[in-house]
Amino acid sequence: MSKLFFKGRIETRKNHVKSGYNVNRYIKAGSADAPITVTVACEARKTEIEAITQEQAIIANIVVDATREENTVELDTLLNRPTTATAEKTPSRNEPCLCGSGQKYKKCCA
């Protein structure tokens, strides 16, 4: 049953809708509300990360700790977002063929 046909108390429905995975989608990682945490080993690497975050307008907490392993996973995921894949449109049966023969697609290359 969809939420449009809910016949119970509204307060109960709102509590149900608020629970689940990633309910605060309006809060983006790397913003002031949710800064990312990056751990680096030296000050030189820290300046590199600061330059990258300023260029990309990302807010990050950079921790310099030589005893811990470098952790830039959150920064890498923000910088390497996947792009949308678009497929090339195939012609319909009655459109001219793509090979340039002048025939309809259904009689030439289909």
PDB file of N, CA and C in Angstrom:
ATOM      1  N   MET A   1       0.848  -1.166   0.000  1.00  0.00           N
ATOM      2  CA  MET A   1       0.000   0.000   0.000  1.00  0.00           C
ATOM      3  C   MET A   1       0.895   1.230   0.000  1.00  0.00           C
ATOM      4  N   SER A   2       0.610   2.181  -0.867  1.00  0.00           N
ATOM      5  CA  SER A   2       1.468   3.362  -0.963  1.00  0.00           C
ATOM      6  C   SER A   2       1.144   4.359   0.134  1.00  0.00           C
ATOM      7  N   LYS A   3       2.025   5.329   0.292  1.00  0.00           N
ATOM      8  CA  LYS A   3       1.829   6.328   1.331  1.00  0.00           C
ATOM      9  C   LYS A   3       0.697   7.290   0.981  1.00  0.00           C
ATOM     10  N   LEU A   4       0.263   7.299  -0.269  1.00  0.00           N
ATOM     11  CA  LEU A   4      -0.831   8.173  -0.648  1.00  0.00           C
ATOM     12  C   LEU A   4      -2.169   7.683  -0.105  1.00  0.00           C
ATOM     13  N   PHE A   5      -2.289   6.386   0.122  1.00  0.00           N
ATOM     14  CA  PHE A   5      -3.543   5.816   0.595  1.00  0.00           C
ATOM     15  C   PHE A   5      -3.487   5.450   2.070  1.00  0.00           C
ATOM     16  N   PHE A   6      -2.562   6.044   2.823  1.00  0.00           N
ATOM     17  CA  PHE A   6      -2.407   5.743   4.235  1.00  0.00           C
ATOM     18  C   PHE A   6      -3.595   6.291   5.012  1.00  0.00           C
ATOM     19  N   LYS A   7      -4.247   5.437   5.809  1.00  0.00           N
ATOM     20  CA  LYS A   7      -5.448   5.854   6.519  1.00  0.00           C
ATOM     21  C   LYS A   7      -5.242   5.886   8.025  1.00  0.00           C
ATOM     22  N   GLY A   8      -4.022   5.856   8.503  1.00  0.00           N
ATOM     23  CA  GLY A   8      -3.763   5.873   9.931  1.00  0.00           C
ATOM     24  C   GLY A   8      -3.436   7.268  10.415  1.00  0.00           C
ATOM     25  N   ARG A   9      -2.841   7.322  11.577  1.00  0.00           N
ATOM     26  CA  ARG A   9      -2.452   8.612  12.137  1.00  0.00           C
ATOM     27  C   ARG A   9      -1.279   9.182  11.354  1.00  0.00           C
ATOM     28  N   ILE A  10      -1.304  10.469  11.085  1.00  0.00           N
ATOM     29  CA  ILE A  10      -0.256  11.118  10.307  1.00  0.00           C
ATOM     30  C   ILE A  10       1.074  11.082  11.054  1.00  0.00           C
ATOM     31  N   GLU A  11       1.053  11.230  12.393  1.00  0.00           N
ATOM     32  CA  GLU A  11       2.298  11.233  13.155  1.00  0.00           C
ATOM     33  C   GLU A  11       3.044   9.913  12.977  1.00  0.00           C
ATOM     34  N   THR A  12       2.319   8.807  12.910  1.00  0.00           N
ATOM     35  CA  THR A  12       2.935   7.496  12.742  1.00  0.00           C
ATOM     36  C   THR A  12       3.584   7.381  11.368  1.00  0.00           C
ATOM     37  N   ARG A  13       2.894   7.870  10.366  1.00  0.00           N
ATOM     38  CA  ARG A  13       3.437   7.796   9.005  1.00  0.00           C
ATOM     39  C   ARG A  13       4.702   8.632   8.894  1.00  0.00           C
ATOM     40  N   LYS A  14       4.741   9.817   9.481  1.00  0.00           N
ATOM     41  CA  LYS A  14       5.930  10.655   9.391  1.00  0.00           C
ATOM     42  C   LYS A  14       7.127   9.992  10.063  1.00  0.00           C
ATOM     43  N   ASN A  15       6.900   9.350  11.187  1.00  0.00           N
ATOM     44  CA  ASN A  15       8.004   8.663  11.846  1.00  0.00           C
ATOM     45  C   ASN A  15       8.514   7.511  10.990  1.00  0.00           C
ATOM     46  N   HIS A  16       7.624   6.834  10.309  1.00  0.00           N
ATOM     47  CA  HIS A  16       8.028   5.723   9.455  1.00  0.00           C
ATOM     48  C   HIS A  16       8.830   6.221   8.253  1.00  0.00           C
ATOM     49  N   VAL A  17       8.429   7.345   7.684  1.00  0.00           N
ATOM     50  CA  VAL A  17       9.111   7.878   6.507  1.00  0.00           C
ATOM     51  C   VAL A  17      10.508   8.367   6.860  1.00  0.00           C
ATOM     52  N   LYS A  18      10.721   8.866   8.075  1.00  0.00           N
ATOM     53  CA  LYS A  18      12.015   9.414   8.471  1.00  0.00           C
ATOM     54  C   LYS A  18      13.069   8.350   8.736  1.00  0.00           C
ATOM     55  N   SER A  19      12.679   7.110   8.935  1.00  0.00           N
ATOM     56  CA  SER A  19      13.662   6.077   9.246  1.00  0.00           C
ATOM     57  C   SER A  19      14.129   5.413   7.956  1.00  0.00           C
ATOM     58  N   GLY A  20      15.374   4.981   7.940  1.00  0.00           N
ATOM     59  CA  GLY A  20      15.898   4.284   6.769  1.00  0.00           C
ATOM     60  C   GLY A  20      17.279   4.771   6.409  1.00  0.00           C
ATOM     61  N   TYR A  21      17.774   4.332   5.278  1.00  0.00           N
ATOM     62  CA  TYR A  21      19.120   4.658   4.825  1.00  0.00           C
ATOM     63  C   TYR A  21      19.145   6.043   4.205  1.00  0.00           C
ATOM     64  N   ASN A  22      20.098   6.860   4.613  1.00  0.00           N
ATOM     65  CA  ASN A  22      20.370   8.172   4.023  1.00  0.00           C
ATOM     66  C   ASN A  22      19.123   9.050   4.008  1.00  0.00           C
ATOM     67  N   VAL A  23      18.535   9.261   5.178  1.00  0.00           N
ATOM     68  CA  VAL A  23      17.316  10.051   5.242  1.00  0.00           C
ATOM     69  C   VAL A  23      17.594  11.545   5.120  1.00  0.00           C
ATOM     70  N   ASN A  24      18.809  11.993   5.367  1.00  0.00           N
ATOM     71  CA  ASN A  24      19.164  13.409   5.247  1.00  0.00           C
ATOM     72  C   ASN A  24      19.895  13.644   3.926  1.00  0.00           C
ATOM     73  N   ARG A  25      19.202  13.481   2.829  1.00  0.00           N
ATOM     74  CA  ARG A  25      19.839  13.612   1.525  1.00  0.00           C
ATOM     75  C   ARG A  25      20.197  15.044   1.186  1.00  0.00           C
ATOM     76  N   TYR A  26      19.592  15.990   1.854  1.00  0.00           N
ATOM     77  CA  TYR A  26      19.893  17.381   1.573  1.00  0.00           C
ATOM     78  C   TYR A  26      21.250  17.776   2.149  1.00  0.00           C
ATOM     79  N   ILE A  27      21.828  16.962   3.037  1.00  0.00           N
ATOM     80  CA  ILE A  27      23.153  17.223   3.589  1.00  0.00           C
ATOM     81  C   ILE A  27      24.178  16.481   2.729  1.00  0.00           C
ATOM     82  N   LYS A  28      24.997  17.218   2.030  1.00  0.00           N
ATOM     83  CA  LYS A  28      25.999  16.624   1.138  1.00  0.00           C
ATOM     84  C   LYS A  28      27.316  16.457   1.873  1.00  0.00           C
ATOM     85  N   ALA A  29      28.026  15.392   1.574  1.00  0.00           N
ATOM     86  CA  ALA A  29      29.353  15.176   2.143  1.00  0.00           C
ATOM     87  C   ALA A  29      30.305  16.236   1.592  1.00  0.00           C
ATOM     88  N   GLY A  30      31.117  16.797   2.460  1.00  0.00           N
ATOM     89  CA  GLY A  30      32.056  17.831   2.060  1.00  0.00           C
ATOM     90  C   GLY A  30      31.498  19.232   2.215  1.00  0.00           C
ATOM     91  N   SER A  31      30.306  19.358   2.817  1.00  0.00           N
ATOM     92  CA  SER A  31      29.732  20.678   3.066  1.00  0.00           C
ATOM     93  C   SER A  31      30.011  21.066   4.516  1.00  0.00           C
ATOM     94  N   ALA A  32      29.538  22.230   4.911  1.00  0.00           N
ATOM     95  CA  ALA A  32      29.770  22.694   6.282  1.00  0.00           C
ATOM     96  C   ALA A  32      29.043  21.822   7.295  1.00  0.00           C
ATOM     97  N   ASP A  33      27.892  21.265   6.910  1.00  0.00           N
ATOM     98  CA  ASP A  33      27.137  20.398   7.821  1.00  0.00           C
ATOM     99  C   ASP A  33      27.771  19.025   7.981  1.00  0.00           C
ATOM    100  N   ALA A  34      28.442  18.531   6.954  1.00  0.00           N
ATOM    101  CA  ALA A  34      29.059  17.204   7.002  1.00  0.00           C
ATOM    102  C   ALA A  34      30.441  17.240   6.363  1.00  0.00           C
ATOM    103  N   PRO A  35      31.442  17.795   7.055  1.00  0.00           N
ATOM    104  CA  PRO A  35      32.792  17.833   6.473  1.00  0.00           C
ATOM    105  C   PRO A  35      33.402  16.429   6.418  1.00  0.00           C
ATOM    106  N   ILE A  36      34.260  16.203   5.436  1.00  0.00           N
ATOM    107  CA  ILE A  36      34.922  14.907   5.319  1.00  0.00           C
ATOM    108  C   ILE A  36      36.184  14.908   6.176  1.00  0.00           C
ATOM    109  N   THR A  37      36.662  13.730   6.547  1.00  0.00           N
ATOM    110  CA  THR A  37      37.862  13.588   7.356  1.00  0.00           C
ATOM    111  C   THR A  37      38.939  12.906   6.515  1.00  0.00           C
ATOM    112  N   VAL A  38      40.097  13.539   6.448  1.00  0.00           N
ATOM    113  CA  VAL A  38      41.224  13.017   5.679  1.00  0.00           C
ATOM    114  C   VAL A  38      42.419  12.916   6.614  1.00  0.00           C
ATOM    115  N   THR A  39      43.096  11.764   6.603  1.00  0.00           N
ATOM    116  CA  THR A  39      44.286  11.556   7.418  1.00  0.00           C
ATOM    117  C   THR A  39      45.501  11.450   6.497  1.00  0.00           C
ATOM    118  N   VAL A  40      46.512  12.264   6.762  1.00  0.00           N
ATOM    119  CA  VAL A  40      47.744  12.239   5.966  1.00  0.00           C
ATOM    120  C   VAL A  40      48.940  12.068   6.900  1.00  0.00           C
ATOM    121  N   ALA A  41      50.119  11.758   6.313  1.00  0.00           N
ATOM    122  CA  ALA A  41      51.300  11.461   7.113  1.00  0.00           C
ATOM    123  C   ALA A  41      52.222  12.650   7.313  1.00  0.00           C
ATOM    124  N   CYS A  42      52.210  13.639   6.395  1.00  0.00           N
ATOM    125  CA  CYS A  42      53.163  14.741   6.519  1.00  0.00           C
ATOM    126  C   CYS A  42      52.499  16.069   6.169  1.00  0.00           C
ATOM    127  N   GLU A  43      53.195  17.158   6.495  1.00  0.00           N
ATOM    128  CA  GLU A  43      52.677  18.503   6.258  1.00  0.00           C
ATOM    129  C   GLU A  43      52.638  18.837   4.768  1.00  0.00           C
ATOM    130  N   ALA A  44      53.572  18.299   3.995  1.00  0.00           N
ATOM    131  CA  ALA A  44      53.590  18.570   2.558  1.00  0.00           C
ATOM    132  C   ALA A  44      52.339  18.012   1.889  1.00  0.00           C
ATOM    133  N   ARG A  45      51.963  16.813   2.280  1.00  0.00           N
ATOM    134  CA  ARG A  45      50.745  16.197   1.729  1.00  0.00           C
ATOM    135  C   ARG A  45      49.501  16.974   2.175  1.00  0.00           C
ATOM    136  N   LYS A  46      49.550  17.530   3.385  1.00  0.00           N
ATOM    137  CA  LYS A  46      48.428  18.317   3.895  1.00  0.00           C
ATOM    138  C   LYS A  46      48.203  19.562   3.033  1.00  0.00           C
ATOM    139  N   THR A  47      49.278  20.222   2.625  1.00  0.00           N
ATOM    140  CA  THR A  47      49.131  21.409   1.783  1.00  0.00           C
ATOM    141  C   THR A  47      48.565  21.042   0.409  1.00  0.00           C
ATOM    142  N   GLU A  48      48.948  19.857  -0.116  1.00  0.00           N
ATOM    143  CA  GLU A  48      48.387  19.396  -1.389  1.00  0.00           C
ATOM    144  C   GLU A  48      46.881  19.181  -1.267  1.00  0.00           C
ATOM    145  N   ILE A  49      46.473  18.513  -0.191  1.00  0.00           N
ATOM    146  CA  ILE A  49      45.050  18.221   0.026  1.00  0.00           C
ATOM    147  C   ILE A  49      44.274  19.521   0.231  1.00  0.00           C
ATOM    148  N   GLU A  50      44.850  20.484   0.964  1.00  0.00           N
ATOM    149  CA  GLU A  50      44.183  21.769   1.178  1.00  0.00           C
ATOM    150  C   GLU A  50      43.982  22.504  -0.144  1.00  0.00           C
ATOM    151  N   ALA A  51      44.963  22.439  -1.029  1.00  0.00           N
ATOM    152  CA  ALA A  51      44.824  23.093  -2.336  1.00  0.00           C
ATOM    153  C   ALA A  51      43.705  22.447  -3.151  1.00  0.00           C
ATOM    154  N   ILE A  52      43.624  21.122  -3.112  1.00  0.00           N
ATOM    155  CA  ILE A  52      42.582  20.407  -3.850  1.00  0.00           C
ATOM    156  C   ILE A  52      41.206  20.739  -3.297  1.00  0.00           C
ATOM    157  N   THR A  53      41.076  20.752  -1.969  1.00  0.00           N
ATOM    158  CA  THR A  53      39.774  21.023  -1.370  1.00  0.00           C
ATOM    159  C   THR A  53      39.326  22.465  -1.610  1.00  0.00           C
ATOM    160  N   GLN A  54      40.247  23.411  -1.610  1.00  0.00           N
ATOM    161  CA  GLN A  54      39.874  24.796  -1.900  1.00  0.00           C
ATOM    162  C   GLN A  54      39.459  24.958  -3.359  1.00  0.00           C
ATOM    163  N   GLU A  55      40.147  24.261  -4.252  1.00  0.00           N
ATOM    164  CA  GLU A  55      39.824  24.343  -5.672  1.00  0.00           C
ATOM    165  C   GLU A  55      38.440  23.756  -5.955  1.00  0.00           C
ATOM    166  N   GLN A  56      38.088  22.659  -5.289  1.00  0.00           N
ATOM    167  CA  GLN A  56      36.812  21.977  -5.514  1.00  0.00           C
ATOM    168  C   GLN A  56      35.708  22.457  -4.579  1.00  0.00           C
ATOM    169  N   ALA A  57      35.988  23.393  -3.678  1.00  0.00           N
ATOM    170  CA  ALA A  57      35.027  23.931  -2.699  1.00  0.00           C
ATOM    171  C   ALA A  57      34.483  22.824  -1.800  1.00  0.00           C
ATOM    172  N   ILE A  58      35.395  22.021  -1.249  1.00  0.00           N
ATOM    173  CA  ILE A  58      35.056  20.939  -0.334  1.00  0.00           C
ATOM    174  C   ILE A  58      35.588  21.309   1.043  1.00  0.00           C
ATOM    175  N   ILE A  59      34.778  21.094   2.061  1.00  0.00           N
ATOM    176  CA  ILE A  59      35.211  21.360   3.428  1.00  0.00           C
ATOM    177  C   ILE A  59      35.691  20.044   4.030  1.00  0.00           C
ATOM    178  N   ALA A  60      36.943  20.041   4.517  1.00  0.00           N
ATOM    179  CA  ALA A  60      37.541  18.810   5.027  1.00  0.00           C
ATOM    180  C   ALA A  60      38.309  19.080   6.309  1.00  0.00           C
ATOM    181  N   ASN A  61      38.284  18.105   7.206  1.00  0.00           N
ATOM    182  CA  ASN A  61      39.123  18.119   8.396  1.00  0.00           C
ATOM    183  C   ASN A  61      40.350  17.273   8.085  1.00  0.00           C
ATOM    184  N   ILE A  62      41.510  17.910   7.989  1.00  0.00           N
ATOM    185  CA  ILE A  62      42.737  17.213   7.627  1.00  0.00           C
ATOM    186  C   ILE A  62      43.546  16.983   8.887  1.00  0.00           C
ATOM    187  N   VAL A  63      43.850  15.704   9.163  1.00  0.00           N
ATOM    188  CA  VAL A  63      44.601  15.315  10.353  1.00  0.00           C
ATOM    189  C   VAL A  63      45.972  14.826   9.910  1.00  0.00           C
ATOM    190  N   VAL A  64      47.032  15.388  10.499  1.00  0.00           N
ATOM    191  CA  VAL A  64      48.395  14.945  10.202  1.00  0.00           C
ATOM    192  C   VAL A  64      48.830  14.009  11.324  1.00  0.00           C
ATOM    193  N   ASP A  65      49.068  12.748  10.964  1.00  0.00           N
ATOM    194  CA  ASP A  65      49.479  11.744  11.944  1.00  0.00           C
ATOM    195  C   ASP A  65      50.392  10.751  11.240  1.00  0.00           C
ATOM    196  N   ALA A  66      51.675  10.762  11.598  1.00  0.00           N
ATOM    197  CA  ALA A  66      52.653   9.895  10.936  1.00  0.00           C
ATOM    198  C   ALA A  66      52.503   8.437  11.343  1.00  0.00           C
ATOM    199  N   THR A  67      51.857   8.173  12.465  1.00  0.00           N
ATOM    200  CA  THR A  67      51.735   6.785  12.928  1.00  0.00           C
ATOM    201  C   THR A  67      50.599   6.044  12.233  1.00  0.00           C
ATOM    202  N   ARG A  68      49.619   6.779  11.711  1.00  0.00           N
ATOM    203  CA  ARG A  68      48.484   6.129  11.054  1.00  0.00           C
ATOM    204  C   ARG A  68      48.671   6.129   9.545  1.00  0.00           C
ATOM    205  N   GLU A  69      47.970   5.211   8.883  1.00  0.00           N
ATOM    206  CA  GLU A  69      48.040   5.094   7.427  1.00  0.00           C
ATOM    207  C   GLU A  69      47.239   6.222   6.782  1.00  0.00           C
ATOM    208  N   GLU A  70      47.673   6.678   5.595  1.00  0.00           N
ATOM    209  CA  GLU A  70      46.973   7.746   4.900  1.00  0.00           C
ATOM    210  C   GLU A  70      45.590   7.272   4.468  1.00  0.00           C
ATOM    211  N   ASN A  71      44.563   8.085   4.744  1.00  0.00           N
ATOM    212  CA  ASN A  71      43.193   7.725   4.425  1.00  0.00           C
ATOM    213  C   ASN A  71      42.539   8.894   3.693  1.00  0.00           C
ATOM    214  N   THR A  72      42.418   8.778   2.367  1.00  0.00           N
ATOM    215  CA  THR A  72      41.791   9.811   1.547  1.00  0.00           C
ATOM    216  C   THR A  72      40.607   9.254   0.771  1.00  0.00           C
ATOM    217  N   VAL A  73      39.956   8.240   1.303  1.00  0.00           N
ATOM    218  CA  VAL A  73      38.867   7.567   0.593  1.00  0.00           C
ATOM    219  C   VAL A  73      37.694   8.515   0.362  1.00  0.00           C
ATOM    220  N   GLU A  74      37.294   9.270   1.385  1.00  0.00           N
ATOM    221  CA  GLU A  74      36.155  10.179   1.243  1.00  0.00           C
ATOM    222  C   GLU A  74      36.433  11.260   0.199  1.00  0.00           C
ATOM    223  N   LEU A  75      37.668  11.780   0.197  1.00  0.00           N
ATOM    224  CA  LEU A  75      38.028  12.796  -0.788  1.00  0.00           C
ATOM    225  C   LEU A  75      38.033  12.207  -2.196  1.00  0.00           C
ATOM    226  N   ASP A  76      38.569  10.994  -2.347  1.00  0.00           N
ATOM    227  CA  ASP A  76      38.600  10.351  -3.663  1.00  0.00           C
ATOM    228  C   ASP A  76      37.203  10.095  -4.210  1.00  0.00           C
ATOM    229  N   THR A  77      36.268   9.707  -3.346  1.00  0.00           N
ATOM    230  CA  THR A  77      34.908   9.456  -3.823  1.00  0.00           C
ATOM    231  C   THR A  77      34.217  10.745  -4.251  1.00  0.00           C
ATOM    232  N   LEU A  78      34.514  11.858  -3.583  1.00  0.00           N
ATOM    233  CA  LEU A  78      33.920  13.128  -4.009  1.00  0.00           C
ATOM    234  C   LEU A  78      34.529  13.635  -5.312  1.00  0.00           C
ATOM    235  N   LEU A  79      35.820  13.408  -5.505  1.00  0.00           N
ATOM    236  CA  LEU A  79      36.483  13.889  -6.717  1.00  0.00           C
ATOM    237  C   LEU A  79      36.190  13.020  -7.930  1.00  0.00           C
ATOM    238  N   ASN A  80      35.969  11.729  -7.735  1.00  0.00           N
ATOM    239  CA  ASN A  80      35.775  10.792  -8.848  1.00  0.00           C
ATOM    240  C   ASN A  80      34.336  10.285  -8.890  1.00  0.00           C
ATOM    241  N   ARG A  81      33.397  11.193  -8.993  1.00  0.00           N
ATOM    242  CA  ARG A  81      31.996  10.792  -9.077  1.00  0.00           C
ATOM    243  C   ARG A  81      31.740  10.121 -10.420  1.00  0.00           C
ATOM    244  N   PRO A  82      30.898   9.097 -10.426  1.00  0.00           N
ATOM    245  CA  PRO A  82      30.613   8.427 -11.699  1.00  0.00           C
ATOM    246  C   PRO A  82      29.771   9.326 -12.613  1.00  0.00           C
ATOM    247  N   THR A  83      30.009   9.220 -13.892  1.00  0.00           N
ATOM    248  CA  THR A  83      29.245   9.995 -14.862  1.00  0.00           C
ATOM    249  C   THR A  83      28.105   9.150 -15.413  1.00  0.00           C
ATOM    250  N   THR A  84      27.109   9.796 -15.922  1.00  0.00           N
ATOM    251  CA  THR A  84      25.964   9.113 -16.481  1.00  0.00           C
ATOM    252  C   THR A  84      26.322   8.561 -17.849  1.00  0.00           C
ATOM    253  N   ALA A  85      26.040   7.285 -18.057  1.00  0.00           N
ATOM    254  CA  ALA A  85      26.311   6.654 -19.344  1.00  0.00           C
ATOM    255  C   ALA A  85      25.112   6.850 -20.259  1.00  0.00           C
ATOM    256  N   THR A  86      25.359   7.337 -21.460  1.00  0.00           N
ATOM    257  CA  THR A  86      24.283   7.528 -22.430  1.00  0.00           C
ATOM    258  C   THR A  86      24.510   6.597 -23.606  1.00  0.00           C
ATOM    259  N   ALA A  87      23.456   5.950 -24.042  1.00  0.00           N
ATOM    260  CA  ALA A  87      23.537   5.030 -25.174  1.00  0.00           C
ATOM    261  C   ALA A  87      23.160   5.764 -26.455  1.00  0.00           C
ATOM    262  N   GLU A  88      23.784   5.379 -27.546  1.00  0.00           N
ATOM    263  CA  GLU A  88      23.481   5.984 -28.829  1.00  0.00           C
ATOM    264  C   GLU A  88      22.114   5.514 -29.293  1.00  0.00           C
ATOM    265  N   LYS A  89      21.341   6.443 -29.816  1.00  0.00           N
ATOM    266  CA  LYS A  89      19.981   6.121 -30.240  1.00  0.00           C
ATOM    267  C   LYS A  89      20.018   5.307 -31.528  1.00  0.00           C
ATOM    268  N   THR A  90      19.302   4.197 -31.516  1.00  0.00           N
ATOM    269  CA  THR A  90      19.182   3.397 -32.736  1.00  0.00           C
ATOM    270  C   THR A  90      17.988   3.903 -33.526  1.00  0.00           C
ATOM    271  N   PRO A  91      18.086   3.903 -34.834  1.00  0.00           N
ATOM    272  CA  PRO A  91      16.964   4.417 -35.634  1.00  0.00           C
ATOM    273  C   PRO A  91      15.777   3.463 -35.589  1.00  0.00           C
ATOM    274  N   SER A  92      14.599   4.035 -35.780  1.00  0.00           N
ATOM    275  CA  SER A  92      13.414   3.185 -35.864  1.00  0.00           C
ATOM    276  C   SER A  92      13.378   2.553 -37.253  1.00  0.00           C
ATOM    277  N   ARG A  93      12.425   1.687 -37.488  1.00  0.00           N
ATOM    278  CA  ARG A  93      12.396   0.911 -38.728  1.00  0.00           C
ATOM    279  C   ARG A  93      12.246   1.773 -39.967  1.00  0.00           C
ATOM    280  N   ASN A  94      11.471   2.848 -39.891  1.00  0.00           N
ATOM    281  CA  ASN A  94      11.152   3.620 -41.095  1.00  0.00           C
ATOM    282  C   ASN A  94      12.048   4.842 -41.297  1.00  0.00           C
ATOM    283  N   GLU A  95      13.048   5.047 -40.457  1.00  0.00           N
ATOM    284  CA  GLU A  95      13.982   6.156 -40.651  1.00  0.00           C
ATOM    285  C   GLU A  95      15.029   5.766 -41.693  1.00  0.00           C
ATOM    286  N   PRO A  96      15.678   6.745 -42.313  1.00  0.00           N
ATOM    287  CA  PRO A  96      16.743   6.413 -43.272  1.00  0.00           C
ATOM    288  C   PRO A  96      17.897   5.686 -42.570  1.00  0.00           C
ATOM    289  N   CYS A  97      18.559   4.812 -43.276  1.00  0.00           N
ATOM    290  CA  CYS A  97      19.633   4.002 -42.700  1.00  0.00           C
ATOM    291  C   CYS A  97      20.849   4.877 -42.397  1.00  0.00           C
ATOM    292  N   LEU A  98      21.583   4.502 -41.356  1.00  0.00           N
ATOM    293  CA  LEU A  98      22.758   5.263 -40.944  1.00  0.00           C
ATOM    294  C   LEU A  98      23.944   5.083 -41.886  1.00  0.00           C
ATOM    295  N   CYS A  99      23.943   4.031 -42.691  1.00  0.00           N
ATOM    296  CA  CYS A  99      25.087   3.787 -43.564  1.00  0.00           C
ATOM    297  C   CYS A  99      25.098   4.722 -44.772  1.00  0.00           C
ATOM    298  N   GLY A 100      23.984   5.425 -45.021  1.00  0.00           N
ATOM    299  CA  GLY A 100      23.963   6.388 -46.119  1.00  0.00           C
ATOM    300  C   GLY A 100      23.498   5.813 -47.431  1.00  0.00           C
ATOM    301  N   SER A 101      22.870   4.644 -47.432  1.00  0.00           N
ATOM    302  CA  SER A 101      22.438   4.041 -48.687  1.00  0.00           C
ATOM    303  C   SER A 101      21.192   4.691 -49.242  1.00  0.00           C
ATOM    304  N   GLY A 102      20.432   5.404 -48.426  1.00  0.00           N
ATOM    305  CA  GLY A 102      19.199   6.028 -48.873  1.00  0.00           C
ATOM    306  C   GLY A 102      17.975   5.165 -48.675  1.00  0.00           C
ATOM    307  N   GLN A 103      18.171   3.915 -48.291  1.00  0.00           N
ATOM    308  CA  GLN A 103      17.030   3.032 -48.031  1.00  0.00           C
ATOM    309  C   GLN A 103      16.572   3.197 -46.580  1.00  0.00           C
ATOM    310  N   LYS A 104      15.389   2.635 -46.323  1.00  0.00           N
ATOM    311  CA  LYS A 104      14.923   2.611 -44.934  1.00  0.00           C
ATOM    312  C   LYS A 104      15.778   1.638 -44.152  1.00  0.00           C
ATOM    313  N   TYR A 105      15.849   1.878 -42.837  1.00  0.00           N
ATOM    314  CA  TYR A 105      16.669   1.048 -41.951  1.00  0.00           C
ATOM    315  C   TYR A 105      16.197  -0.394 -41.966  1.00  0.00           C
ATOM    316  N   LYS A 106      14.872  -0.625 -42.090  1.00  0.00           N
ATOM    317  CA  LYS A 106      14.345  -1.996 -42.024  1.00  0.00           C
ATOM    318  C   LYS A 106      14.731  -2.811 -43.264  1.00  0.00           C
ATOM    319  N   LYS A 107      15.042  -2.163 -44.389  1.00  0.00           N
ATOM    320  CA  LYS A 107      15.397  -2.895 -45.596  1.00  0.00           C
ATOM    321  C   LYS A 107      16.897  -2.985 -45.833  1.00  0.00           C
ATOM    322  N   CYS A 108      17.659  -2.197 -45.063  1.00  0.00           N
ATOM    323  CA  CYS A 108      19.092  -2.138 -45.316  1.00  0.00           C
ATOM    324  C   CYS A 108      19.894  -2.878 -44.229  1.00  0.00           C
ATOM    325  N   CYS A 109      19.997  -2.321 -43.079  1.00  0.00           N
ATOM    326  CA  CYS A 109      20.911  -2.866 -42.045  1.00  0.00           C
ATOM    327  C   CYS A 109      20.191  -3.515 -40.880  1.00  0.00           C
ATOM    328  N   ALA A 110      18.895  -3.563 -40.862  1.00  0.00           N
ATOM    329  CA  ALA A 110      18.181  -4.106 -39.699  1.00  0.00           C
ATOM    330  C   ALA A 110      18.257  -5.587 -39.582  1.00  0.00           C
TER     331      ALA A 110
END
